[in-house]
C-alpha atoms as a PDB file:
ATOM      1  CA  MET A   1      35.200 145.016 142.644  1.00  0.00           C
ATOM      2  CA  LYS A   2      36.620 146.050 139.878  1.00  0.00           C
ATOM      3  CA  ARG A   3      39.480 143.486 139.935  1.00  0.00           C
ATOM      4  CA  PHE A   4      36.341 140.867 140.172  1.00  0.00           C
ATOM      5  CA  VAL A   5      34.835 142.105 137.265  1.00  0.00           C
ATOM      6  CA  LEU A   6      38.451 141.969 135.206  1.00  0.00           C
ATOM      7  CA  PHE A   7      38.837 138.594 136.670  1.00  0.00           C
ATOM      8  CA  CYS A   8      35.304 137.408 135.234  1.00  0.00           C
ATOM      9  CA  ALA A   9      35.794 139.072 131.999  1.00  0.00           C
ATOM     10  CA  ALA A  10      39.209 136.938 131.531  1.00  0.00           C
ATOM     11  CA  PHE A  11      37.610 134.098 132.271  1.00  0.00           C
ATOM     12  CA  ALA A  12      34.915 134.598 129.876  1.00  0.00           C
ATOM     13  CA  VAL A  13      37.898 135.040 127.283  1.00  0.00           C
ATOM     14  CA  LEU A  14      39.681 132.284 128.133  1.00  0.00           C
ATOM     15  CA  VAL A  15      36.418 129.797 128.248  1.00  0.00           C
ATOM     16  CA  SER A  16      35.585 131.145 124.813  1.00  0.00           C
ATOM     17  CA  MET A  17      39.227 130.445 123.328  1.00  0.00           C
ATOM     18  CA  THR A  18      38.895 127.095 124.760  1.00  0.00           C
ATOM     19  CA  PHE A  19      35.588 126.219 122.883  1.00  0.00           C
ATOM     20  CA  ALA A  20      37.143 128.091 119.883  1.00  0.00           C
ATOM     21  CA  ALA A  21      39.617 125.709 119.892  1.00  0.00           C
ATOM     22  CA  GLU A  22      37.503 122.678 120.103  1.00  0.00           C
ATOM     23  CA  PRO A  23      37.732 120.926 116.347  1.00  0.00           C
ATOM     24  CA  ASP A  24      35.165 120.527 114.344  1.00  0.00           C
ATOM     25  CA  PHE A  25      35.010 116.596 114.554  1.00  0.00           C
ATOM     26  CA  LYS A  26      31.700 115.876 111.842  1.00  0.00           C
ATOM     27  CA  ALA A  27      34.175 118.053 109.266  1.00  0.00           C
ATOM     28  CA  ILE A  28      37.067 115.762 110.507  1.00  0.00           C
ATOM     29  CA  MET A  29      34.758 112.415 109.419  1.00  0.00           C
ATOM     30  CA  ALA A  30      33.496 114.003 106.528  1.00  0.00           C
ATOM     31  CA  LYS A  31      37.238 115.113 105.571  1.00  0.00           C
ATOM     32  CA  ILE A  32      38.120 111.174 105.623  1.00  0.00           C
ATOM     33  CA  ASP A  33      35.383 110.221 102.851  1.00  0.00           C
ATOM     34  CA  GLU A  34      36.112 113.285 101.072  1.00  0.00           C
ATOM     35  CA  GLN A  35      40.034 112.516 100.805  1.00  0.00           C
ATOM     36  CA  THR A  36      39.152 108.862 100.154  1.00  0.00           C
ATOM     37  CA  ASN A  37      36.728 108.883  97.414  1.00  0.00           C
ATOM     38  CA  PHE A  38      37.258 109.445  93.819  1.00  0.00           C
ATOM     39  CA  LYS A  39      34.518 111.712  92.512  1.00  0.00           C
ATOM     40  CA  ALA A  40      35.895 113.117  89.357  1.00  0.00           C
ATOM     41  CA  THR A  41      36.827 109.694  87.944  1.00  0.00           C
ATOM     42  CA  ASP A  42      36.341 105.900  87.892  1.00  0.00           C
ATOM     43  CA  ILE A  43      39.486 103.655  89.867  1.00  0.00           C
ATOM     44  CA  SER A  44      41.149 100.452  88.904  1.00  0.00           C
ATOM     45  CA  ALA A  45      43.919  98.456  90.303  1.00  0.00           C
ATOM     46  CA  GLN A  46      44.698  94.879  91.341  1.00  0.00           C
ATOM     47  CA  ILE A  47      43.879  93.535  94.847  1.00  0.00           C
ATOM     48  CA  THR A  48      45.689  90.627  96.974  1.00  0.00           C
ATOM     49  CA  VAL A  49      43.811  89.335  99.961  1.00  0.00           C
ATOM     50  CA  THR A  50      45.952  87.508 101.951  1.00  0.00           C
ATOM     51  CA  THR A  51      44.467  85.364 104.640  1.00  0.00           C
ATOM     52  CA  ARG A  52      46.542  83.752 107.232  1.00  0.00           C
ATOM     53  CA  LYS A  53      44.914  80.734 109.470  1.00  0.00           C
ATOM     54  CA  PRO A  54      46.492  78.362 112.211  1.00  0.00           C
ATOM     55  CA  SER A  55      47.885  75.333 111.108  1.00  0.00           C
ATOM     56  CA  VAL A  56      46.809  75.842 107.335  1.00  0.00           C
ATOM     57  CA  GLU A  57      48.366  77.088 104.428  1.00  0.00           C
ATOM     58  CA  ASP A  58      47.711  80.822 103.733  1.00  0.00           C
ATOM     59  CA  ASN A  59      44.998  81.527 101.266  1.00  0.00           C
ATOM     60  CA  VAL A  60      46.188  83.872  98.770  1.00  0.00           C
ATOM     61  CA  LEU A  61      43.383  85.898  96.311  1.00  0.00           C
ATOM     62  CA  GLN A  62      44.250  88.216  93.401  1.00  0.00           C
ATOM     63  CA  ALA A  63      41.106  90.028  91.995  1.00  0.00           C
ATOM     64  CA  GLN A  64      40.331  93.116  89.370  1.00  0.00           C
ATOM     65  CA  TYR A  65      38.896  95.721  91.446  1.00  0.00           C
ATOM     66  CA  PHE A  66      36.957  98.600  89.606  1.00  0.00           C
ATOM     67  CA  ARG A  67      35.155 101.514  91.483  1.00  0.00           C
ATOM     68  CA  ARG A  68      33.053 104.645  90.466  1.00  0.00           C
ATOM     69  CA  ASP A  69      32.322 106.704  93.616  1.00  0.00           C
ATOM     70  CA  THR A  70      30.098 108.875  91.872  1.00  0.00           C
ATOM     71  CA  GLU A  71      27.537 106.099  92.086  1.00  0.00           C
ATOM     72  CA  SER A  72      28.324 104.033  94.646  1.00  0.00           C
ATOM     73  CA  LYS A  73      29.144 101.123  92.232  1.00  0.00           C
ATOM     74  CA  PHE A  74      32.052  98.919  92.270  1.00  0.00           C
ATOM     75  CA  LEU A  75      32.953  95.237  90.906  1.00  0.00           C
ATOM     76  CA  LEU A  76      35.938  92.648  91.539  1.00  0.00           C
ATOM     77  CA  LEU A  77      36.753  90.078  89.401  1.00  0.00           C
ATOM     78  CA  ILE A  78      38.554  87.271  91.211  1.00  0.00           C
ATOM     79  CA  LEU A  79      41.462  85.833  89.071  1.00  0.00           C
ATOM     80  CA  LYS A  80      43.304  83.780  91.311  1.00  0.00           C
ATOM     81  CA  PRO A  81      43.333  80.789  92.516  1.00  0.00           C
ATOM     82  CA  GLU A  82      42.172  79.143  89.644  1.00  0.00           C
ATOM     83  CA  ILE A  83      39.018  77.035  91.769  1.00  0.00           C
ATOM     84  CA  ASN A  84      37.701  81.059  91.827  1.00  0.00           C
ATOM     85  CA  LYS A  85      38.256  82.397  88.670  1.00  0.00           C
ATOM     86  CA  GLY A  86      35.784  84.083  86.686  1.00  0.00           C
ATOM     87  CA  GLN A  87      33.907  84.900  90.352  1.00  0.00           C
ATOM     88  CA  GLY A  88      32.861  88.384  90.567  1.00  0.00           C
ATOM     89  CA  TYR A  89      31.037  91.184  93.079  1.00  0.00           C
ATOM     90  CA  LEU A  90      28.958  94.158  91.838  1.00  0.00           C
ATOM     91  CA  LYS A  91      27.697  96.467  93.683  1.00  0.00           C
ATOM     92  CA  LEU A  92      25.174  98.466  91.988  1.00  0.00           C
ATOM     93  CA  ASP A  93      23.234 100.859  94.562  1.00  0.00           C
ATOM     94  CA  SER A  94      22.857  99.668  97.886  1.00  0.00           C
ATOM     95  CA  SER A  95      22.753  96.149  96.528  1.00  0.00           C
ATOM     96  CA  ILE A  96      25.896  93.706  95.966  1.00  0.00           C
ATOM     97  CA  PHE A  97      25.196  90.675  93.938  1.00  0.00           C
ATOM     98  CA  PHE A  98      27.956  87.796  93.970  1.00  0.00           C
ATOM     99  CA  TYR A  99      27.982  85.798  90.246  1.00  0.00           C
ATOM    100  CA  ASP A 100      29.513  82.687  89.874  1.00  0.00           C
ATOM    101  CA  PRO A 101      30.498  80.937  86.943  1.00  0.00           C
ATOM    102  CA  SER A 102      29.850  77.494  86.896  1.00  0.00           C
ATOM    103  CA  SER A 103      26.452  78.009  87.698  1.00  0.00           C
ATOM    104  CA  GLY A 104      25.823  81.113  85.862  1.00  0.00           C
ATOM    105  CA  LYS A 105      23.661  82.767  88.456  1.00  0.00           C
ATOM    106  CA  PHE A 106      23.715  85.591  90.656  1.00  0.00           C
ATOM    107  CA  ALA A 107      23.144  85.650  94.686  1.00  0.00           C
ATOM    108  CA  LYS A 108      22.284  88.815  96.224  1.00  0.00           C
ATOM    109  CA  GLN A 109      24.739  89.580  99.426  1.00  0.00           C
ATOM    110  CA  THR A 110      24.806  92.049 101.879  1.00  0.00           C
ATOM    111  CA  GLY A 111      27.653  94.332 103.048  1.00  0.00           C
ATOM    112  CA  SER A 112      28.393  92.739 106.322  1.00  0.00           C
ATOM    113  CA  GLY A 113      28.813  89.573 104.423  1.00  0.00           C
ATOM    114  CA  ASN A 114      32.321  88.246 104.352  1.00  0.00           C
ATOM    115  CA  PHE A 115      34.608  88.646 101.114  1.00  0.00           C
ATOM    116  CA  GLN A 116      35.099  84.871 100.050  1.00  0.00           C
ATOM    117  CA  ASP A 117      37.207  82.920 103.237  1.00  0.00           C
ATOM    118  CA  SER A 118      38.664  86.272 104.558  1.00  0.00           C
ATOM    119  CA  ASN A 119      37.909  88.332 107.504  1.00  0.00           C
ATOM    120  CA  ALA A 120      37.003  91.198 105.088  1.00  0.00           C
ATOM    121  CA  LYS A 121      34.009  92.647 104.399  1.00  0.00           C
ATOM    122  CA  ASN A 122      32.200  92.687 101.080  1.00  0.00           C
ATOM    123  CA  SER A 123      31.884  96.565 102.299  1.00  0.00           C
ATOM    124  CA  ASP A 124      35.532  96.945 102.680  1.00  0.00           C
ATOM    125  CA  PHE A 125      35.618  97.547  98.832  1.00  0.00           C
ATOM    126  CA  GLN A 126      33.054 100.340  98.480  1.00  0.00           C
ATOM    127  CA  ASN A 127      33.572 104.202  98.426  1.00  0.00           C
ATOM    128  CA  SER A 128      33.908 105.830 102.255  1.00  0.00           C
ATOM    129  CA  THR A 129      30.586 107.159 103.697  1.00  0.00           C
ATOM    130  CA  LEU A 130      31.630 107.252 107.027  1.00  0.00           C
ATOM    131  CA  SER A 131      29.869 110.766 107.497  1.00  0.00           C
ATOM    132  CA  GLU A 132      26.474 109.450 106.521  1.00  0.00           C
ATOM    133  CA  ASP A 133      26.429 106.219 107.967  1.00  0.00           C
ATOM    134  CA  TYR A 134      27.588 106.757 111.828  1.00  0.00           C
ATOM    135  CA  GLU A 135      27.167 109.928 114.358  1.00  0.00           C
ATOM    136  CA  ILE A 136      29.806 110.541 116.969  1.00  0.00           C
ATOM    137  CA  SER A 137      29.115 109.500 120.791  1.00  0.00           C
ATOM    138  CA  SER A 138      32.202 110.561 122.222  1.00  0.00           C
ATOM    139  CA  THR A 139      35.792 112.575 120.893  1.00  0.00           C
ATOM    140  CA  GLY A 140      39.558 112.136 122.153  1.00  0.00           C
ATOM    141  CA  THR A 141      43.240 112.051 121.496  1.00  0.00           C
ATOM    142  CA  GLY A 142      45.601 109.758 121.619  1.00  0.00           C
ATOM    143  CA  THR A 143      48.621 108.145 119.410  1.00  0.00           C
ATOM    144  CA  LEU A 144      49.576 105.338 117.242  1.00  0.00           C
ATOM    145  CA  GLY A 145      53.229 105.005 117.108  1.00  0.00           C
ATOM    146  CA  LYS A 146      54.639 108.668 117.194  1.00  0.00           C
ATOM    147  CA  LEU A 147      51.376 109.878 115.162  1.00  0.00           C
ATOM    148  CA  GLU A 148      48.924 112.300 117.389  1.00  0.00           C
ATOM    149  CA  THR A 149      45.458 110.857 116.443  1.00  0.00           C
ATOM    150  CA  TRP A 150      41.813 111.803 117.143  1.00  0.00           C
ATOM    151  CA  VAL A 151      39.722 109.371 118.535  1.00  0.00           C
ATOM    152  CA  LEU A 152      35.878 109.040 117.678  1.00  0.00           C
ATOM    153  CA  THR A 153      33.456 106.754 119.019  1.00  0.00           C
ATOM    154  CA  LEU A 154      30.624 105.889 116.589  1.00  0.00           C
ATOM    155  CA  LYS A 155      27.322 105.324 116.363  1.00  0.00           C
ATOM    156  CA  GLY A 156      25.560 103.674 113.262  1.00  0.00           C
ATOM    157  CA  LYS A 157      22.673 105.665 112.042  1.00  0.00           C
ATOM    158  CA  ASN A 158      20.547 102.943 110.506  1.00  0.00           C
ATOM    159  CA  ASN A 159      20.406  99.106 110.529  1.00  0.00           C
ATOM    160  CA  GLU A 160      22.357  98.830 107.223  1.00  0.00           C
ATOM    161  CA  VAL A 161      25.570  99.664 108.463  1.00  0.00           C
ATOM    162  CA  THR A 162      28.143  96.737 108.648  1.00  0.00           C
ATOM    163  CA  TYR A 163      29.061  97.355 112.001  1.00  0.00           C
ATOM    164  CA  PRO A 164      26.629  99.129 114.794  1.00  0.00           C
ATOM    165  CA  LYS A 165      29.470 100.794 116.828  1.00  0.00           C
ATOM    166  CA  GLN A 166      33.023 101.622 115.760  1.00  0.00           C
ATOM    167  CA  LYS A 167      36.310 103.507 117.730  1.00  0.00           C
ATOM    168  CA  ILE A 168      38.297 105.023 114.893  1.00  0.00           C
ATOM    169  CA  TRP A 169      41.824 106.762 115.072  1.00  0.00           C
ATOM    170  CA  ILE A 170      42.334 109.793 112.913  1.00  0.00           C
ATOM    171  CA  ASP A 171      45.829 111.408 111.702  1.00  0.00           C
ATOM    172  CA  LYS A 172      46.015 114.708 113.266  1.00  0.00           C
ATOM    173  CA  SER A 173      48.168 116.205 110.515  1.00  0.00           C
ATOM    174  CA  THR A 174      46.650 114.510 107.618  1.00  0.00           C
ATOM    175  CA  GLY A 175      42.771 113.767 108.490  1.00  0.00           C
ATOM    176  CA  LEU A 176      43.477 110.287 106.975  1.00  0.00           C
ATOM    177  CA  LEU A 177      41.923 107.220 108.912  1.00  0.00           C
ATOM    178  CA  LEU A 178      44.468 104.860 110.781  1.00  0.00           C
ATOM    179  CA  GLN A 179      43.055 102.352 112.629  1.00  0.00           C
ATOM    180  CA  SER A 180      39.543 101.595 113.452  1.00  0.00           C
ATOM    181  CA  GLU A 181      38.153  99.193 115.701  1.00  0.00           C
ATOM    182  CA  ALA A 182      34.572  97.390 115.646  1.00  0.00           C
ATOM    183  CA  TYR A 183      32.110  96.719 117.917  1.00  0.00           C
ATOM    184  CA  SER A 184      28.270  94.530 118.715  1.00  0.00           C
ATOM    185  CA  LEU A 185      25.643  96.291 120.245  1.00  0.00           C
ATOM    186  CA  SER A 186      26.566  94.960 123.191  1.00  0.00           C
ATOM    187  CA  ASP A 187      30.195  96.459 122.905  1.00  0.00           C
ATOM    188  CA  ARG A 188      32.214  93.524 121.863  1.00  0.00           C
ATOM    189  CA  LEU A 189      35.361  93.979 119.974  1.00  0.00           C
ATOM    190  CA  LEU A 190      34.738  91.976 116.750  1.00  0.00           C
ATOM    191  CA  ARG A 191      37.594  93.145 114.886  1.00  0.00           C
ATOM    192  CA  THR A 192      40.797  95.539 114.377  1.00  0.00           C
ATOM    193  CA  SER A 193      41.465  97.124 111.234  1.00  0.00           C
ATOM    194  CA  LEU A 194      44.880  99.208 110.193  1.00  0.00           C
ATOM    195  CA  TYR A 195      45.526 101.197 107.292  1.00  0.00           C
ATOM    196  CA  GLY A 196      48.787 102.482 105.858  1.00  0.00           C
ATOM    197  CA  LYS A 197      50.950 103.209 102.810  1.00  0.00           C
ATOM    198  CA  TYR A 198      48.073 105.677 101.210  1.00  0.00           C
ATOM    199  CA  LEU A 199      48.718 106.892  97.929  1.00  0.00           C
ATOM    200  CA  SER A 200      48.252 110.462  97.468  1.00  0.00           C
ATOM    201  CA  VAL A 201      46.575 110.589  93.559  1.00  0.00           C
ATOM    202  CA  GLU A 202      45.608 113.974  92.471  1.00  0.00           C
ATOM    203  CA  GLY A 203      44.781 115.184  95.930  1.00  0.00           C
ATOM    204  CA  LYS A 204      43.141 111.982  96.796  1.00  0.00           C
ATOM    205  CA  TYR A 205      44.228 109.055  99.037  1.00  0.00           C
ATOM    206  CA  ILE A 206      43.877 105.504  99.005  1.00  0.00           C
ATOM    207  CA  ALA A 207      45.027 103.347 101.556  1.00  0.00           C
ATOM    208  CA  GLN A 208      47.336 100.389  99.383  1.00  0.00           C
ATOM    209  CA  LEU A 209      47.324  98.087 102.611  1.00  0.00           C
ATOM    210  CA  THR A 210      44.982  97.248 105.109  1.00  0.00           C
ATOM    211  CA  ARG A 211      45.398  94.797 107.814  1.00  0.00           C
ATOM    212  CA  ILE A 212      42.205  93.367 109.268  1.00  0.00           C
ATOM    213  CA  GLN A 213      42.117  91.212 112.630  1.00  0.00           C
ATOM    214  CA  ASP A 214      39.213  89.335 113.541  1.00  0.00           C
ATOM    215  CA  MET A 215      39.337  89.456 117.524  1.00  0.00           C
ATOM    216  CA  LEU A 216      36.730  86.385 117.864  1.00  0.00           C
ATOM    217  CA  LYS A 217      39.596  84.402 116.462  1.00  0.00           C
ATOM    218  CA  LYS A 218      42.963  86.337 116.996  1.00  0.00           C
ATOM    219  CA  ASP A 219      44.993  83.838 115.350  1.00  0.00           C
ATOM    220  CA  GLU A 220      43.116  85.091 112.026  1.00  0.00           C
ATOM    221  CA  VAL A 221      44.329  88.078 110.019  1.00  0.00           C
ATOM    222  CA  THR A 222      43.486  89.351 106.319  1.00  0.00           C
ATOM    223  CA  THR A 223      45.877  92.153 104.635  1.00  0.00           C
ATOM    224  CA  ILE A 224      44.312  93.504 101.055  1.00  0.00           C
ATOM    225  CA  LYS A 225      46.978  95.259  99.183  1.00  0.00           C
ATOM    226  CA  ILE A 226      46.334  97.308  96.462  1.00  0.00           C
ATOM    227  CA  GLU A 227      48.862  97.723  93.256  1.00  0.00           C
ATOM    228  CA  ASN A 228      48.497  99.397  89.493  1.00  0.00           C
ATOM    229  CA  PHE A 229      46.393 102.022  90.642  1.00  0.00           C
ATOM    230  CA  SER A 230      44.740 103.741  88.006  1.00  0.00           C
ATOM    231  CA  LEU A 231      42.175 106.672  87.274  1.00  0.00           C
ATOM    232  CA  GLN A 232      41.579 105.736  83.264  1.00  0.00           C
ATOM    233  CA  LYS A 233      37.765 106.262  82.510  1.00  0.00           C
ATOM    234  CA  LEU A 234      36.050 102.722  82.588  1.00  0.00           C
ATOM    235  CA  PRO A 235      33.505 102.276  79.867  1.00  0.00           C
ATOM    236  CA  ASP A 236      30.129 102.125  81.885  1.00  0.00           C
ATOM    237  CA  THR A 237      29.512  98.418  80.574  1.00  0.00           C
ATOM    238  CA  VAL A 238      31.922  97.352  83.423  1.00  0.00           C
ATOM    239  CA  PHE A 239      29.570  97.768  86.170  1.00  0.00           C
ATOM    240  CA  THR A 240      26.942  95.282  84.825  1.00  0.00           C
ATOM    241  CA  GLN A 241      25.867  91.543  84.874  1.00  0.00           C
ATOM    242  CA  ALA A 242      26.662  91.404  81.689  1.00  0.00           C
ATOM    243  CA  TYR A 243      30.047  92.134  81.819  1.00  0.00           C
ATOM    244  CA  LEU A 244      30.580  89.729  84.342  1.00  0.00           C
ATOM    245  CA  LYS A 245      28.834  87.350  82.504  1.00  0.00           C
ATOM    246  CA  LYS A 246      30.959  88.161  79.097  1.00  0.00           C
ATOM    247  CA  VAL A 247      34.498  87.852  80.608  1.00  0.00           C
ATOM    248  CA  ASN A 248      33.368  84.209  81.541  1.00  0.00           C
ATOM    249  CA  GLU A 249      32.705  82.898  78.382  1.00  0.00           C
END
C-alpha cells in the first residue's frame, strides 16, 4: 500500500511538471506583436514589391513606406513605375484609402484587397495584430530547415480579418514568425508566406524580406523587400489625405 501511495505521488508530480512545461501559447503569439510593433517611434523605409507570373515580365514596384503603430496608421506612396507614380495607400483606424492622382479621388479599400497587381494584401503593410485578431485552435511543434518551431493553428475572432484561418510557424529561440499559411473557411490553402532576414532595431524586429506564394496560382510569387529603414519621427501631416494630394502637385 505504501509503495502504491508513493507511486501515485510520483506520478502526480510528473504530470504537474508536464503541464508546467506547457508553453503559454497566447503569450507567444502576443510576443510576435510586441517584438514587431514599434510603439515608441514612427518608422519609414523604401519597399520593393516584385511579382513574378508565368510568361510575362516581372512587375516591379517601388514605394516609400511610413508607419505609426501607436495609431495603427500607414502610408504607402508609389514611386515606380512611372505609370503608377503618385498613387498611394493610407490607413486611418480601420479604413484604408487608395489615392489616384489622375482623378484626384480617394477610394475606400479593405485589408483583404490585393496590393496593386501582386499577391500581397493591403493588410500586409500594417502593424501586427495576431493576438488581437485570432484565437488558437491547436498547437504543436515542427521544424523549418534547421530551426525548431512552435506550430499554431488560428481561427479569426471576427469577420474583418484578412483570412478566417491561419497556420503559423514560430521560431522557438527568438519568438519570431517564420512562415504562415492562409486558409479559407472551407480549409482551402490560399497562400503561403515566408518571413526572413529580420533586422533588429532597438529591441524590435522587422522582416526585411517576405515571400508570398499564391497557392491557387502556384506559379505566381510576390516578394516584398524593405530597405533604408529609419526610426525618425514623422510629421503628423504625413498620415493625411492632404499629404498624398500635396506630393502630387
